[in-house]
Amino acid sequence: MKLSQKHLILLAAGGSAALMLGALGFQHLGGMAPCKLCIWQRWPHVLAIGFGAVALIALPRLFSLAGLLAALTTAALGGYHTGVERGWWQGPTSCSSSGTDGISADALFEQIMAAPLVRCDQVPWEMLGLSMASWNMLMSLGLAALWQMALRAR
């Protein structure tokens, strides 16, 4: 069975909505506050939901392309966040640990006091060895494939 463009758009935008509901559930029901990079990953999903809604009304190809770009953006952010969590590279200094070498006690105290409550370089939850950022990346790549199929559908 071949899915229509509208069905593909609904699946892709609905997938972003499901991921957002999941993230909000972890936050509000599970008590897991998001870090800065987690918040960054949410914005493209919100945009994809909006693009999907508009694509159902007008200009489906244009807004499918926009949805594809949003899905790829959040996938890239999820990949970046995964690398920060795994220690492959340094994350934003505003939400990651940086070493204490060469820092005075006063500067270290100021850094601690200015630090956010949730760090980006720690994994608060895993399933099958993958963090939420990793799962977001993988699922968003799947959503990007749906957006791509919607873009090509007639």
Protein backbone atom coordinates (compact mmCIF):
# COMPACT_ATOMS: atom_id res chain seq x y z
CA MET A 1 0.00 0.00 0.00
CA LYS A 2 1.39 3.36 -1.04
CA LEU A 3 0.85 6.21 1.40
CA SER A 4 -0.41 9.53 0.10
CA GLN A 5 1.48 12.76 0.61
CA LYS A 6 -1.03 13.83 3.27
CA HIS A 7 -0.60 10.58 5.17
CA LEU A 8 3.18 10.90 5.07
CA ILE A 9 2.98 14.49 6.33
CA LEU A 10 0.65 13.39 9.13
CA LEU A 11 3.04 10.59 10.10
CA ALA A 12 6.09 12.85 10.06
CA ALA A 13 4.51 15.74 11.97
CA GLY A 14 2.75 13.28 14.28
CA GLY A 15 6.10 11.62 14.98
CA SER A 16 7.53 14.96 16.09
CA ALA A 17 4.45 15.51 18.25
CA ALA A 18 4.90 12.07 19.82
CA LEU A 19 8.57 12.77 20.57
CA MET A 20 7.64 16.10 22.12
CA LEU A 21 4.96 14.46 24.27
CA GLY A 22 7.49 11.86 25.36
CA ALA A 23 10.04 14.53 26.28
CA LEU A 24 7.42 16.51 28.19
CA GLY A 25 6.32 13.31 29.94
CA PHE A 26 9.89 12.59 31.07
CA GLN A 27 10.14 16.19 32.26
CA HIS A 28 6.81 16.69 34.02
CA LEU A 29 5.83 13.16 35.03
CA GLY A 30 9.28 11.66 35.44
CA GLY A 31 10.85 14.71 37.08
CA MET A 32 13.76 14.86 34.61
CA ALA A 33 14.52 18.50 33.91
CA PRO A 34 15.98 19.07 30.42
CA CYS A 35 19.44 20.46 29.86
CA LYS A 36 20.21 23.28 27.42
CA LEU A 37 20.93 20.87 24.54
CA CYS A 38 17.70 18.97 25.25
CA ILE A 39 15.76 22.22 24.87
CA TRP A 40 17.60 23.00 21.63
CA GLN A 41 16.51 19.61 20.25
CA ARG A 42 12.85 20.37 20.97
CA TRP A 43 12.56 23.52 18.85
CA PRO A 44 12.93 21.81 15.45
CA HIS A 45 10.22 19.32 16.48
CA VAL A 46 7.89 22.21 17.31
CA LEU A 47 8.65 23.74 13.92
CA ALA A 48 8.07 20.39 12.16
CA ILE A 49 4.64 20.10 13.79
CA GLY A 50 3.77 23.59 12.54
CA PHE A 51 5.16 22.88 9.08
CA GLY A 52 3.07 19.72 8.94
CA ALA A 53 -0.09 21.59 9.87
CA VAL A 54 0.51 24.19 7.18
CA ALA A 55 1.52 21.55 4.59
CA LEU A 56 -1.88 19.90 4.99
CA ILE A 57 -3.55 23.17 3.98
CA ALA A 58 -1.23 24.68 1.38
CA LEU A 59 2.14 24.28 -0.36
CA PRO A 60 2.77 20.67 0.75
CA ARG A 61 6.08 20.35 -1.12
CA LEU A 62 7.55 23.53 0.32
CA PHE A 63 6.52 22.71 3.87
CA SER A 64 7.60 19.08 3.48
CA LEU A 65 11.04 20.42 2.62
CA ALA A 66 10.90 22.65 5.70
CA GLY A 67 9.84 19.64 7.80
CA LEU A 68 12.72 17.62 6.37
CA LEU A 69 15.19 20.36 7.33
CA ALA A 70 13.70 20.58 10.83
CA ALA A 71 14.00 16.80 11.31
CA LEU A 72 17.60 16.82 10.08
CA THR A 73 18.38 19.75 12.39
CA THR A 74 17.12 17.99 15.51
CA ALA A 75 18.88 14.79 14.42
CA ALA A 76 22.15 16.73 14.12
CA LEU A 77 21.60 18.33 17.53
CA GLY A 78 20.87 14.89 18.99
CA GLY A 79 24.11 13.56 17.47
CA TYR A 80 26.04 16.52 18.86
CA HIS A 81 24.47 16.01 22.30
CA THR A 82 25.32 12.30 22.18
CA GLY A 83 28.96 13.20 21.53
CA VAL A 84 28.94 15.59 24.49
CA GLU A 85 27.42 12.90 26.73
CA ARG A 86 29.99 10.33 25.61
CA GLY A 87 32.89 12.74 26.06
CA TRP A 88 33.81 12.71 22.37
CA TRP A 89 33.89 16.51 22.34
CA GLN A 90 33.25 19.41 24.67
CA GLY A 91 29.73 20.79 24.91
CA PRO A 92 28.68 24.34 25.64
CA THR A 93 30.50 25.59 28.71
CA SER A 94 27.19 26.77 30.13
CA CYS A 95 26.00 23.19 30.63
CA SER A 96 29.08 20.96 30.58
CA SER A 97 31.84 20.23 32.95
CA SER A 98 35.18 21.74 32.12
CA GLY A 99 38.32 20.78 33.95
CA THR A 100 39.54 22.64 36.98
CA ASP A 101 43.17 22.81 35.88
CA GLY A 102 44.53 26.33 36.05
CA ILE A 103 41.43 27.80 37.71
CA SER A 104 41.67 29.79 40.91
CA ALA A 105 39.42 28.89 43.82
CA ASP A 106 37.43 32.10 43.35
CA ALA A 107 36.94 31.47 39.62
CA LEU A 108 35.93 27.87 40.31
CA PHE A 109 33.40 29.04 42.90
CA GLU A 110 31.95 31.55 40.41
CA GLN A 111 31.75 28.81 37.75
CA ILE A 112 29.90 26.51 40.16
CA MET A 113 27.47 29.23 41.21
CA ALA A 114 26.72 30.16 37.58
CA ALA A 115 26.31 26.56 36.42
CA PRO A 116 22.83 25.36 35.45
CA LEU A 117 21.17 22.66 37.49
CA VAL A 118 21.11 20.17 34.63
CA ARG A 119 24.35 19.24 32.89
CA CYS A 120 24.52 18.37 29.20
CA ASP A 121 27.42 15.95 29.56
CA GLN A 122 25.66 13.44 31.82
CA VAL A 123 23.20 10.77 30.71
CA PRO A 124 20.17 10.78 33.03
CA TRP A 125 18.33 7.93 31.24
CA GLU A 126 19.29 5.13 28.87
CA MET A 127 17.51 2.37 27.02
CA LEU A 128 19.48 -0.34 25.20
CA GLY A 129 22.65 1.66 25.86
CA LEU A 130 21.36 4.78 24.12
CA SER A 131 20.54 8.08 25.78
CA MET A 132 17.47 10.18 25.02
CA ALA A 133 19.64 12.36 22.78
CA SER A 134 20.73 9.28 20.82
CA TRP A 135 17.14 8.06 20.51
CA ASN A 136 16.06 11.51 19.34
CA MET A 137 18.75 11.43 16.68
CA LEU A 138 17.70 7.99 15.38
CA MET A 139 13.97 8.69 15.46
CA SER A 140 14.46 12.09 13.84
CA LEU A 141 16.37 10.47 11.00
CA GLY A 142 13.35 8.20 10.53
CA LEU A 143 11.09 11.26 10.51
CA ALA A 144 13.41 12.89 7.97
CA ALA A 145 12.87 9.86 5.74
CA LEU A 146 9.09 10.33 6.03
CA TRP A 147 9.41 14.02 5.17
CA GLN A 148 11.59 13.08 2.18
CA MET A 149 8.94 10.61 0.99
CA ALA A 150 6.26 13.31 1.42
CA LEU A 151 8.39 15.71 -0.57
CA ARG A 152 8.63 13.25 -3.45
CA ALA A 153 5.01 12.09 -3.33
CA ARG A 154 2.55 13.40 -5.86
